[in-house]
Amino acid sequence: MAKVPRVDRDLCIGCGNCTVVCPEVFELDHEGKSQVVNEMGKCDLEYAVSSCPVGAISLL
């Protein structure tokens, strides 16, 4: 089963690392926080998780 990415908006600082690593999956919203826009996007989600400096991304 595929893992589904989630962003904890309370932790997110809007650095944008996830949008660089996985632009098909993440984008910054109008508040400058990351959001998932395509749960099924093709990218290295594990790397996106590790690229987040505050641990705001998880895989369920």
Protein backbone atom coordinates (compact mmCIF):
# COMPACT_ATOMS: atom_id res chain seq x y z
CA MET A 1 0.00 0.00 0.00
CA ALA A 2 1.27 3.47 -0.90
CA LYS A 3 2.15 5.85 1.89
CA VAL A 4 0.20 9.09 2.02
CA PRO A 5 2.03 12.33 2.89
CA ARG A 6 0.67 14.68 5.53
CA VAL A 7 1.86 18.10 6.67
CA ASP A 8 1.49 19.32 10.24
CA ARG A 9 0.71 22.97 9.57
CA ASP A 10 1.40 23.90 13.18
CA LEU A 11 5.00 22.74 12.77
CA CYS A 12 5.58 23.90 9.19
CA ILE A 13 7.81 26.98 8.88
CA GLY A 14 7.35 27.35 5.12
CA CYS A 15 10.96 26.75 4.15
CA GLY A 16 9.90 25.14 0.87
CA ASN A 17 12.29 22.17 0.94
CA CYS A 18 9.43 19.77 0.26
CA THR A 19 8.29 21.77 -2.78
CA VAL A 20 11.79 21.54 -4.25
CA VAL A 21 12.13 17.80 -3.55
CA CYS A 22 8.56 16.86 -4.55
CA PRO A 23 6.89 19.64 -6.56
CA GLU A 24 4.23 17.21 -7.81
CA VAL A 25 3.10 16.56 -4.23
CA PHE A 26 3.68 19.75 -2.21
CA GLU A 27 3.17 23.46 -2.70
CA LEU A 28 3.16 26.47 -0.43
CA ASP A 29 -0.28 27.95 0.19
CA HIS A 30 -1.31 31.59 0.59
CA GLU A 31 -0.03 31.55 4.19
CA GLY A 32 3.38 30.29 3.08
CA LYS A 33 2.82 26.86 4.63
CA SER A 34 3.26 23.56 2.84
CA GLN A 35 0.23 21.62 1.71
CA VAL A 36 -0.26 18.33 -0.11
CA VAL A 37 -1.73 18.93 -3.56
CA ASN A 38 -1.35 15.44 -5.03
CA GLU A 39 -1.05 12.44 -2.71
CA MET A 40 -0.20 10.18 -5.64
CA GLY A 41 2.57 12.33 -7.17
CA LYS A 42 5.73 10.52 -8.19
CA CYS A 43 8.71 11.51 -6.08
CA ASP A 44 10.90 10.35 -3.22
CA LEU A 45 8.56 10.95 -0.28
CA GLU A 46 11.06 9.57 2.23
CA TYR A 47 13.53 12.22 1.09
CA ALA A 48 10.84 14.90 1.42
CA VAL A 49 10.24 13.78 5.01
CA SER A 50 13.96 13.91 5.82
CA SER A 51 14.37 17.29 4.09
CA CYS A 52 11.92 18.98 6.46
CA PRO A 53 13.99 20.74 9.15
CA VAL A 54 11.14 20.75 11.68
CA GLY A 55 9.66 17.29 11.05
CA ALA A 56 6.33 18.61 9.77
CA ILE A 57 5.93 15.93 7.09
CA SER A 58 4.84 12.39 7.88
CA LEU A 59 3.80 9.38 5.83
CA LEU A 60 0.68 7.47 6.82
